[in-house]
Amino acid sequence: MESLPDNISFREKYDPFVRIVDQAEFDSYFEICVQHTMAYGVEKERAVRIERLYIDRWLELCDSGKRSPTLVEAIKLALSYWMEVRA
């Protein structure tokens, strides 16, 4: 299975979900994201919840006005993600 680098940006991690249209591809990449979060010591159930939450938030930002999130929005999401992971 492919893995994500430790220093991946929020945009790099979640932007692929904007372009995925195939369910199998979505499921595969979702599992890669879950494994990435688990690498920080998060249990699988919680990692799944965190990933669903941040995929939804990213897609919502991208869908508002059909634009990419601003740098500030991306940073706010990233900080929120790390607070969730470290909680």
PDB file of N, CA and C in Angstrom:
ATOM      1  N   MET A   1       0.838  -1.183   0.000  1.00  0.00           N
ATOM      2  CA  MET A   1       0.000   0.000   0.000  1.00  0.00           C
ATOM      3  C   MET A   1       0.885   1.250   0.000  1.00  0.00           C
ATOM      4  N   GLU A   2       0.490   2.188  -0.762  1.00  0.00           N
ATOM      5  CA  GLU A   2       1.160   3.487  -0.832  1.00  0.00           C
ATOM      6  C   GLU A   2       1.036   4.174   0.532  1.00  0.00           C
ATOM      7  N   SER A   3       1.965   5.054   0.845  1.00  0.00           N
ATOM      8  CA  SER A   3       1.859   5.805   2.094  1.00  0.00           C
ATOM      9  C   SER A   3       2.104   7.282   1.813  1.00  0.00           C
ATOM     10  N   LEU A   4       1.689   8.098   2.759  1.00  0.00           N
ATOM     11  CA  LEU A   4       1.857   9.537   2.642  1.00  0.00           C
ATOM     12  C   LEU A   4       3.071   9.970   3.448  1.00  0.00           C
ATOM     13  N   PRO A   5       3.786  10.982   2.973  1.00  0.00           N
ATOM     14  CA  PRO A   5       4.944  11.465   3.730  1.00  0.00           C
ATOM     15  C   PRO A   5       4.488  12.157   5.021  1.00  0.00           C
ATOM     16  N   ASP A   6       5.343  12.125   6.017  1.00  0.00           N
ATOM     17  CA  ASP A   6       5.027  12.768   7.294  1.00  0.00           C
ATOM     18  C   ASP A   6       4.781  14.262   7.133  1.00  0.00           C
ATOM     19  N   ASN A   7       5.498  14.896   6.254  1.00  0.00           N
ATOM     20  CA  ASN A   7       5.423  16.358   6.108  1.00  0.00           C
ATOM     21  C   ASN A   7       4.474  16.811   5.008  1.00  0.00           C
ATOM     22  N   ILE A   8       3.476  16.020   4.694  1.00  0.00           N
ATOM     23  CA  ILE A   8       2.518  16.376   3.647  1.00  0.00           C
ATOM     24  C   ILE A   8       1.656  17.556   4.092  1.00  0.00           C
ATOM     25  N   SER A   9       1.360  18.446   3.170  1.00  0.00           N
ATOM     26  CA  SER A   9       0.498  19.585   3.504  1.00  0.00           C
ATOM     27  C   SER A   9      -0.957  19.119   3.503  1.00  0.00           C
ATOM     28  N   PHE A  10      -1.781  19.918   4.160  1.00  0.00           N
ATOM     29  CA  PHE A  10      -3.206  19.606   4.213  1.00  0.00           C
ATOM     30  C   PHE A  10      -3.791  19.563   2.809  1.00  0.00           C
ATOM     31  N   ARG A  11      -3.404  20.531   1.993  1.00  0.00           N
ATOM     32  CA  ARG A  11      -3.878  20.590   0.602  1.00  0.00           C
ATOM     33  C   ARG A  11      -3.444  19.339  -0.172  1.00  0.00           C
ATOM     34  N   GLU A  12      -2.197  18.952  -0.016  1.00  0.00           N
ATOM     35  CA  GLU A  12      -1.698  17.768  -0.726  1.00  0.00           C
ATOM     36  C   GLU A  12      -2.427  16.500  -0.279  1.00  0.00           C
ATOM     37  N   LYS A  13      -2.761  16.441   1.000  1.00  0.00           N
ATOM     38  CA  LYS A  13      -3.421  15.240   1.524  1.00  0.00           C
ATOM     39  C   LYS A  13      -4.876  15.152   1.081  1.00  0.00           C
ATOM     40  N   TYR A  14      -5.605  16.256   1.146  1.00  0.00           N
ATOM     41  CA  TYR A  14      -7.053  16.196   0.927  1.00  0.00           C
ATOM     42  C   TYR A  14      -7.521  16.618  -0.458  1.00  0.00           C
ATOM     43  N   ASP A  15      -6.725  17.331  -1.211  1.00  0.00           N
ATOM     44  CA  ASP A  15      -7.151  17.763  -2.540  1.00  0.00           C
ATOM     45  C   ASP A  15      -7.456  16.604  -3.502  1.00  0.00           C
ATOM     46  N   PRO A  16      -6.757  15.466  -3.411  1.00  0.00           N
ATOM     47  CA  PRO A  16      -7.109  14.366  -4.307  1.00  0.00           C
ATOM     48  C   PRO A  16      -8.579  13.938  -4.209  1.00  0.00           C
ATOM     49  N   PHE A  17      -9.208  14.131  -3.043  1.00  0.00           N
ATOM     50  CA  PHE A  17     -10.611  13.753  -2.895  1.00  0.00           C
ATOM     51  C   PHE A  17     -11.519  14.601  -3.771  1.00  0.00           C
ATOM     52  N   VAL A  18     -11.085  15.786  -4.141  1.00  0.00           N
ATOM     53  CA  VAL A  18     -11.874  16.658  -5.007  1.00  0.00           C
ATOM     54  C   VAL A  18     -12.002  16.045  -6.404  1.00  0.00           C
ATOM     55  N   ARG A  19     -10.967  15.342  -6.834  1.00  0.00           N
ATOM     56  CA  ARG A  19     -10.937  14.807  -8.202  1.00  0.00           C
ATOM     57  C   ARG A  19     -11.364  13.337  -8.311  1.00  0.00           C
ATOM     58  N   ILE A  20     -11.439  12.622  -7.201  1.00  0.00           N
ATOM     59  CA  ILE A  20     -11.781  11.194  -7.244  1.00  0.00           C
ATOM     60  C   ILE A  20     -13.269  11.036  -7.552  1.00  0.00           C
ATOM     61  N   VAL A  21     -13.570  10.209  -8.557  1.00  0.00           N
ATOM     62  CA  VAL A  21     -14.966   9.936  -8.918  1.00  0.00           C
ATOM     63  C   VAL A  21     -15.308   8.450  -8.794  1.00  0.00           C
ATOM     64  N   ASP A  22     -14.309   7.611  -8.645  1.00  0.00           N
ATOM     65  CA  ASP A  22     -14.492   6.169  -8.559  1.00  0.00           C
ATOM     66  C   ASP A  22     -14.492   5.730  -7.086  1.00  0.00           C
ATOM     67  N   GLN A  23     -15.501   4.958  -6.672  1.00  0.00           N
ATOM     68  CA  GLN A  23     -15.621   4.546  -5.274  1.00  0.00           C
ATOM     69  C   GLN A  23     -14.434   3.712  -4.803  1.00  0.00           C
ATOM     70  N   ALA A  24     -13.960   2.821  -5.636  1.00  0.00           N
ATOM     71  CA  ALA A  24     -12.814   1.982  -5.252  1.00  0.00           C
ATOM     72  C   ALA A  24     -11.564   2.839  -5.034  1.00  0.00           C
ATOM     73  N   GLU A  25     -11.358   3.824  -5.899  1.00  0.00           N
ATOM     74  CA  GLU A  25     -10.216   4.730  -5.750  1.00  0.00           C
ATOM     75  C   GLU A  25     -10.364   5.559  -4.466  1.00  0.00           C
ATOM     76  N   PHE A  26     -11.591   6.023  -4.200  1.00  0.00           N
ATOM     77  CA  PHE A  26     -11.858   6.780  -2.978  1.00  0.00           C
ATOM     78  C   PHE A  26     -11.535   5.931  -1.755  1.00  0.00           C
ATOM     79  N   ASP A  27     -12.049   4.705  -1.733  1.00  0.00           N
ATOM     80  CA  ASP A  27     -11.830   3.805  -0.595  1.00  0.00           C
ATOM     81  C   ASP A  27     -10.355   3.526  -0.376  1.00  0.00           C
ATOM     82  N   SER A  28      -9.631   3.328  -1.445  1.00  0.00           N
ATOM     83  CA  SER A  28      -8.203   3.045  -1.356  1.00  0.00           C
ATOM     84  C   SER A  28      -7.432   4.244  -0.793  1.00  0.00           C
ATOM     85  N   TYR A  29      -7.709   5.423  -1.316  1.00  0.00           N
ATOM     86  CA  TYR A  29      -7.001   6.616  -0.842  1.00  0.00           C
ATOM     87  C   TYR A  29      -7.429   6.967   0.582  1.00  0.00           C
ATOM     88  N   PHE A  30      -8.697   6.737   0.906  1.00  0.00           N
ATOM     89  CA  PHE A  30      -9.179   6.969   2.266  1.00  0.00           C
ATOM     90  C   PHE A  30      -8.399   6.105   3.247  1.00  0.00           C
ATOM     91  N   GLU A  31      -8.181   4.857   2.926  1.00  0.00           N
ATOM     92  CA  GLU A  31      -7.424   3.954   3.799  1.00  0.00           C
ATOM     93  C   GLU A  31      -5.980   4.432   3.961  1.00  0.00           C
ATOM     94  N   ILE A  32      -5.400   4.955   2.909  1.00  0.00           N
ATOM     95  CA  ILE A  32      -4.043   5.514   3.003  1.00  0.00           C
ATOM     96  C   ILE A  32      -4.038   6.692   3.978  1.00  0.00           C
ATOM     97  N   CYS A  33      -5.056   7.530   3.917  1.00  0.00           N
ATOM     98  CA  CYS A  33      -5.155   8.673   4.829  1.00  0.00           C
ATOM     99  C   CYS A  33      -5.364   8.209   6.271  1.00  0.00           C
ATOM    100  N   VAL A  34      -6.179   7.194   6.461  1.00  0.00           N
ATOM    101  CA  VAL A  34      -6.398   6.640   7.804  1.00  0.00           C
ATOM    102  C   VAL A  34      -5.080   6.107   8.363  1.00  0.00           C
ATOM    103  N   GLN A  35      -4.339   5.368   7.560  1.00  0.00           N
ATOM    104  CA  GLN A  35      -3.052   4.826   8.003  1.00  0.00           C
ATOM    105  C   GLN A  35      -2.081   5.957   8.355  1.00  0.00           C
ATOM    106  N   HIS A  36      -2.118   7.041   7.604  1.00  0.00           N
ATOM    107  CA  HIS A  36      -1.262   8.193   7.878  1.00  0.00           C
ATOM    108  C   HIS A  36      -1.572   8.772   9.258  1.00  0.00           C
ATOM    109  N   THR A  37      -2.845   8.920   9.577  1.00  0.00           N
ATOM    110  CA  THR A  37      -3.236   9.441  10.882  1.00  0.00           C
ATOM    111  C   THR A  37      -2.892   8.443  11.986  1.00  0.00           C
ATOM    112  N   MET A  38      -3.056   7.165  11.724  1.00  0.00           N
ATOM    113  CA  MET A  38      -2.721   6.137  12.714  1.00  0.00           C
ATOM    114  C   MET A  38      -1.229   6.132  13.043  1.00  0.00           C
ATOM    115  N   ALA A  39      -0.417   6.557  12.100  1.00  0.00           N
ATOM    116  CA  ALA A  39       1.035   6.585  12.322  1.00  0.00           C
ATOM    117  C   ALA A  39       1.414   7.544  13.448  1.00  0.00           C
ATOM    118  N   TYR A  40       0.497   8.423  13.830  1.00  0.00           N
ATOM    119  CA  TYR A  40       0.730   9.352  14.934  1.00  0.00           C
ATOM    120  C   TYR A  40       0.200   8.813  16.259  1.00  0.00           C
ATOM    121  N   GLY A  41      -0.106   7.515  16.288  1.00  0.00           N
ATOM    122  CA  GLY A  41      -0.553   6.873  17.521  1.00  0.00           C
ATOM    123  C   GLY A  41      -2.050   6.909  17.754  1.00  0.00           C
ATOM    124  N   VAL A  42      -2.811   7.240  16.731  1.00  0.00           N
ATOM    125  CA  VAL A  42      -4.265   7.304  16.843  1.00  0.00           C
ATOM    126  C   VAL A  42      -4.847   5.932  16.503  1.00  0.00           C
ATOM    127  N   GLU A  43      -5.806   5.468  17.334  1.00  0.00           N
ATOM    128  CA  GLU A  43      -6.452   4.177  17.061  1.00  0.00           C
ATOM    129  C   GLU A  43      -7.296   4.270  15.796  1.00  0.00           C
ATOM    130  N   LYS A  44      -7.497   3.113  15.147  1.00  0.00           N
ATOM    131  CA  LYS A  44      -8.140   3.093  13.828  1.00  0.00           C
ATOM    132  C   LYS A  44      -9.527   3.735  13.837  1.00  0.00           C
ATOM    133  N   GLU A  45     -10.381   3.390  14.800  1.00  0.00           N
ATOM    134  CA  GLU A  45     -11.733   3.961  14.822  1.00  0.00           C
ATOM    135  C   GLU A  45     -11.698   5.481  14.859  1.00  0.00           C
ATOM    136  N   ARG A  46     -10.823   6.011  15.691  1.00  0.00           N
ATOM    137  CA  ARG A  46     -10.704   7.463  15.811  1.00  0.00           C
ATOM    138  C   ARG A  46     -10.099   8.065  14.550  1.00  0.00           C
ATOM    139  N   ALA A  47      -9.120   7.392  13.964  1.00  0.00           N
ATOM    140  CA  ALA A  47      -8.510   7.870  12.722  1.00  0.00           C
ATOM    141  C   ALA A  47      -9.552   7.940  11.605  1.00  0.00           C
ATOM    142  N   VAL A  48     -10.427   6.955  11.541  1.00  0.00           N
ATOM    143  CA  VAL A  48     -11.502   6.963  10.528  1.00  0.00           C
ATOM    144  C   VAL A  48     -12.408   8.170  10.744  1.00  0.00           C
ATOM    145  N   ARG A  49     -12.789   8.427  12.004  1.00  0.00           N
ATOM    146  CA  ARG A  49     -13.654   9.587  12.303  1.00  0.00           C
ATOM    147  C   ARG A  49     -12.960  10.891  11.937  1.00  0.00           C
ATOM    148  N   ILE A  50     -11.684  11.006  12.296  1.00  0.00           N
ATOM    149  CA  ILE A  50     -10.927  12.225  11.979  1.00  0.00           C
ATOM    150  C   ILE A  50     -10.857  12.433  10.472  1.00  0.00           C
ATOM    151  N   GLU A  51     -10.530  11.392   9.735  1.00  0.00           N
ATOM    152  CA  GLU A  51     -10.416  11.533   8.275  1.00  0.00           C
ATOM    153  C   GLU A  51     -11.741  11.904   7.639  1.00  0.00           C
ATOM    154  N   ARG A  52     -12.823  11.275   8.059  1.00  0.00           N
ATOM    155  CA  ARG A  52     -14.142  11.628   7.497  1.00  0.00           C
ATOM    156  C   ARG A  52     -14.453  13.094   7.753  1.00  0.00           C
ATOM    157  N   LEU A  53     -14.182  13.537   8.969  1.00  0.00           N
ATOM    158  CA  LEU A  53     -14.444  14.922   9.340  1.00  0.00           C
ATOM    159  C   LEU A  53     -13.660  15.893   8.456  1.00  0.00           C
ATOM    160  N   TYR A  54     -12.375  15.643   8.279  1.00  0.00           N
ATOM    161  CA  TYR A  54     -11.550  16.601   7.536  1.00  0.00           C
ATOM    162  C   TYR A  54     -11.718  16.491   6.026  1.00  0.00           C
ATOM    163  N   ILE A  55     -12.072  15.331   5.530  1.00  0.00           N
ATOM    164  CA  ILE A  55     -12.429  15.226   4.103  1.00  0.00           C
ATOM    165  C   ILE A  55     -13.685  16.051   3.855  1.00  0.00           C
ATOM    166  N   ASP A  56     -14.679  15.885   4.724  1.00  0.00           N
ATOM    167  CA  ASP A  56     -15.918  16.657   4.575  1.00  0.00           C
ATOM    168  C   ASP A  56     -15.645  18.155   4.645  1.00  0.00           C
ATOM    169  N   ARG A  57     -14.833  18.570   5.605  1.00  0.00           N
ATOM    170  CA  ARG A  57     -14.525  20.001   5.747  1.00  0.00           C
ATOM    171  C   ARG A  57     -13.790  20.529   4.522  1.00  0.00           C
ATOM    172  N   TRP A  58     -12.835  19.747   4.018  1.00  0.00           N
ATOM    173  CA  TRP A  58     -12.072  20.183   2.840  1.00  0.00           C
ATOM    174  C   TRP A  58     -12.987  20.290   1.619  1.00  0.00           C
ATOM    175  N   LEU A  59     -13.815  19.269   1.408  1.00  0.00           N
ATOM    176  CA  LEU A  59     -14.711  19.286   0.250  1.00  0.00           C
ATOM    177  C   LEU A  59     -15.726  20.421   0.352  1.00  0.00           C
ATOM    178  N   GLU A  60     -16.177  20.698   1.560  1.00  0.00           N
ATOM    179  CA  GLU A  60     -17.104  21.803   1.763  1.00  0.00           C
ATOM    180  C   GLU A  60     -16.447  23.136   1.393  1.00  0.00           C
ATOM    181  N   LEU A  61     -15.202  23.323   1.815  1.00  0.00           N
ATOM    182  CA  LEU A  61     -14.483  24.547   1.451  1.00  0.00           C
ATOM    183  C   LEU A  61     -14.282  24.637  -0.057  1.00  0.00           C
ATOM    184  N   CYS A  62     -13.932  23.518  -0.655  1.00  0.00           N
ATOM    185  CA  CYS A  62     -13.691  23.520  -2.108  1.00  0.00           C
ATOM    186  C   CYS A  62     -14.968  23.768  -2.888  1.00  0.00           C
ATOM    187  N   ASP A  63     -16.098  23.294  -2.349  1.00  0.00           N
ATOM    188  CA  ASP A  63     -17.363  23.423  -3.051  1.00  0.00           C
ATOM    189  C   ASP A  63     -17.960  24.821  -2.921  1.00  0.00           C
ATOM    190  N   SER A  64     -17.566  25.560  -1.890  1.00  0.00           N
ATOM    191  CA  SER A  64     -18.126  26.893  -1.716  1.00  0.00           C
ATOM    192  C   SER A  64     -17.542  27.831  -2.771  1.00  0.00           C
ATOM    193  N   GLY A  65     -18.299  28.066  -3.791  1.00  0.00           N
ATOM    194  CA  GLY A  65     -17.847  28.949  -4.858  1.00  0.00           C
ATOM    195  C   GLY A  65     -16.933  28.261  -5.857  1.00  0.00           C
ATOM    196  N   LYS A  66     -16.832  26.949  -5.780  1.00  0.00           N
ATOM    197  CA  LYS A  66     -15.999  26.164  -6.708  1.00  0.00           C
ATOM    198  C   LYS A  66     -14.572  26.709  -6.764  1.00  0.00           C
ATOM    199  N   ARG A  67     -13.987  26.905  -5.601  1.00  0.00           N
ATOM    200  CA  ARG A  67     -12.626  27.430  -5.524  1.00  0.00           C
ATOM    201  C   ARG A  67     -11.811  26.578  -4.573  1.00  0.00           C
ATOM    202  N   SER A  68     -10.537  26.739  -4.616  1.00  0.00           N
ATOM    203  CA  SER A  68      -9.674  26.085  -3.641  1.00  0.00           C
ATOM    204  C   SER A  68      -9.709  26.890  -2.354  1.00  0.00           C
ATOM    205  N   PRO A  69      -9.575  26.205  -1.217  1.00  0.00           N
ATOM    206  CA  PRO A  69      -9.525  26.941   0.055  1.00  0.00           C
ATOM    207  C   PRO A  69      -8.345  27.918   0.081  1.00  0.00           C
ATOM    208  N   THR A  70      -8.540  29.030   0.767  1.00  0.00           N
ATOM    209  CA  THR A  70      -7.456  29.994   0.911  1.00  0.00           C
ATOM    210  C   THR A  70      -6.393  29.413   1.837  1.00  0.00           C
ATOM    211  N   LEU A  71      -5.255  30.030   1.850  1.00  0.00           N
ATOM    212  CA  LEU A  71      -4.177  29.591   2.728  1.00  0.00           C
ATOM    213  C   LEU A  71      -4.625  29.645   4.189  1.00  0.00           C
ATOM    214  N   VAL A  72      -5.317  30.693   4.563  1.00  0.00           N
ATOM    215  CA  VAL A  72      -5.782  30.834   5.946  1.00  0.00           C
ATOM    216  C   VAL A  72      -6.762  29.716   6.298  1.00  0.00           C
ATOM    217  N   GLU A  73      -7.689  29.411   5.398  1.00  0.00           N
ATOM    218  CA  GLU A  73      -8.639  28.329   5.649  1.00  0.00           C
ATOM    219  C   GLU A  73      -7.918  26.991   5.791  1.00  0.00           C
ATOM    220  N   ALA A  74      -6.953  26.753   4.934  1.00  0.00           N
ATOM    221  CA  ALA A  74      -6.194  25.508   4.990  1.00  0.00           C
ATOM    222  C   ALA A  74      -5.404  25.404   6.291  1.00  0.00           C
ATOM    223  N   ILE A  75      -4.810  26.500   6.725  1.00  0.00           N
ATOM    224  CA  ILE A  75      -4.045  26.498   7.978  1.00  0.00           C
ATOM    225  C   ILE A  75      -4.969  26.251   9.164  1.00  0.00           C
ATOM    226  N   LYS A  76      -6.128  26.889   9.175  1.00  0.00           N
ATOM    227  CA  LYS A  76      -7.086  26.665  10.257  1.00  0.00           C
ATOM    228  C   LYS A  76      -7.509  25.199  10.325  1.00  0.00           C
ATOM    229  N   LEU A  77      -7.767  24.605   9.165  1.00  0.00           N
ATOM    230  CA  LEU A  77      -8.128  23.189   9.143  1.00  0.00           C
ATOM    231  C   LEU A  77      -6.980  22.316   9.630  1.00  0.00           C
ATOM    232  N   ALA A  78      -5.779  22.635   9.186  1.00  0.00           N
ATOM    233  CA  ALA A  78      -4.614  21.848   9.588  1.00  0.00           C
ATOM    234  C   ALA A  78      -4.395  21.935  11.094  1.00  0.00           C
ATOM    235  N   LEU A  79      -4.510  23.120  11.662  1.00  0.00           N
ATOM    236  CA  LEU A  79      -4.346  23.273  13.105  1.00  0.00           C
ATOM    237  C   LEU A  79      -5.426  22.506  13.861  1.00  0.00           C
ATOM    238  N   SER A  80      -6.631  22.585  13.372  1.00  0.00           N
ATOM    239  CA  SER A  80      -7.735  21.852  13.990  1.00  0.00           C
ATOM    240  C   SER A  80      -7.493  20.346  13.919  1.00  0.00           C
ATOM    241  N   TYR A  81      -6.990  19.885  12.778  1.00  0.00           N
ATOM    242  CA  TYR A  81      -6.669  18.461  12.600  1.00  0.00           C
ATOM    243  C   TYR A  81      -5.641  18.021  13.634  1.00  0.00           C
ATOM    244  N   TRP A  82      -4.566  18.788  13.771  1.00  0.00           N
ATOM    245  CA  TRP A  82      -3.506  18.392  14.696  1.00  0.00           C
ATOM    246  C   TRP A  82      -3.976  18.430  16.140  1.00  0.00           C
ATOM    247  N   MET A  83      -4.868  19.345  16.474  1.00  0.00           N
ATOM    248  CA  MET A  83      -5.428  19.358  17.829  1.00  0.00           C
ATOM    249  C   MET A  83      -6.258  18.104  18.059  1.00  0.00           C
ATOM    250  N   GLU A  84      -6.977  17.679  17.028  1.00  0.00           N
ATOM    251  CA  GLU A  84      -7.789  16.452  17.112  1.00  0.00           C
ATOM    252  C   GLU A  84      -6.895  15.221  17.250  1.00  0.00           C
ATOM    253  N   VAL A  85      -5.855  15.138  16.462  1.00  0.00           N
ATOM    254  CA  VAL A  85      -4.948  13.991  16.491  1.00  0.00           C
ATOM    255  C   VAL A  85      -4.229  13.897  17.838  1.00  0.00           C
ATOM    256  N   ARG A  86      -3.819  15.037  18.352  1.00  0.00           N
ATOM    257  CA  ARG A  86      -3.043  15.058  19.605  1.00  0.00           C
ATOM    258  C   ARG A  86      -3.896  14.973  20.855  1.00  0.00           C
ATOM    259  N   ALA A  87      -5.218  15.093  20.728  1.00  0.00           N
ATOM    260  CA  ALA A  87      -6.118  15.068  21.907  1.00  0.00           C
ATOM    261  C   ALA A  87      -6.139  13.712  22.579  1.00  0.00           C
TER     262      ALA A  87
END
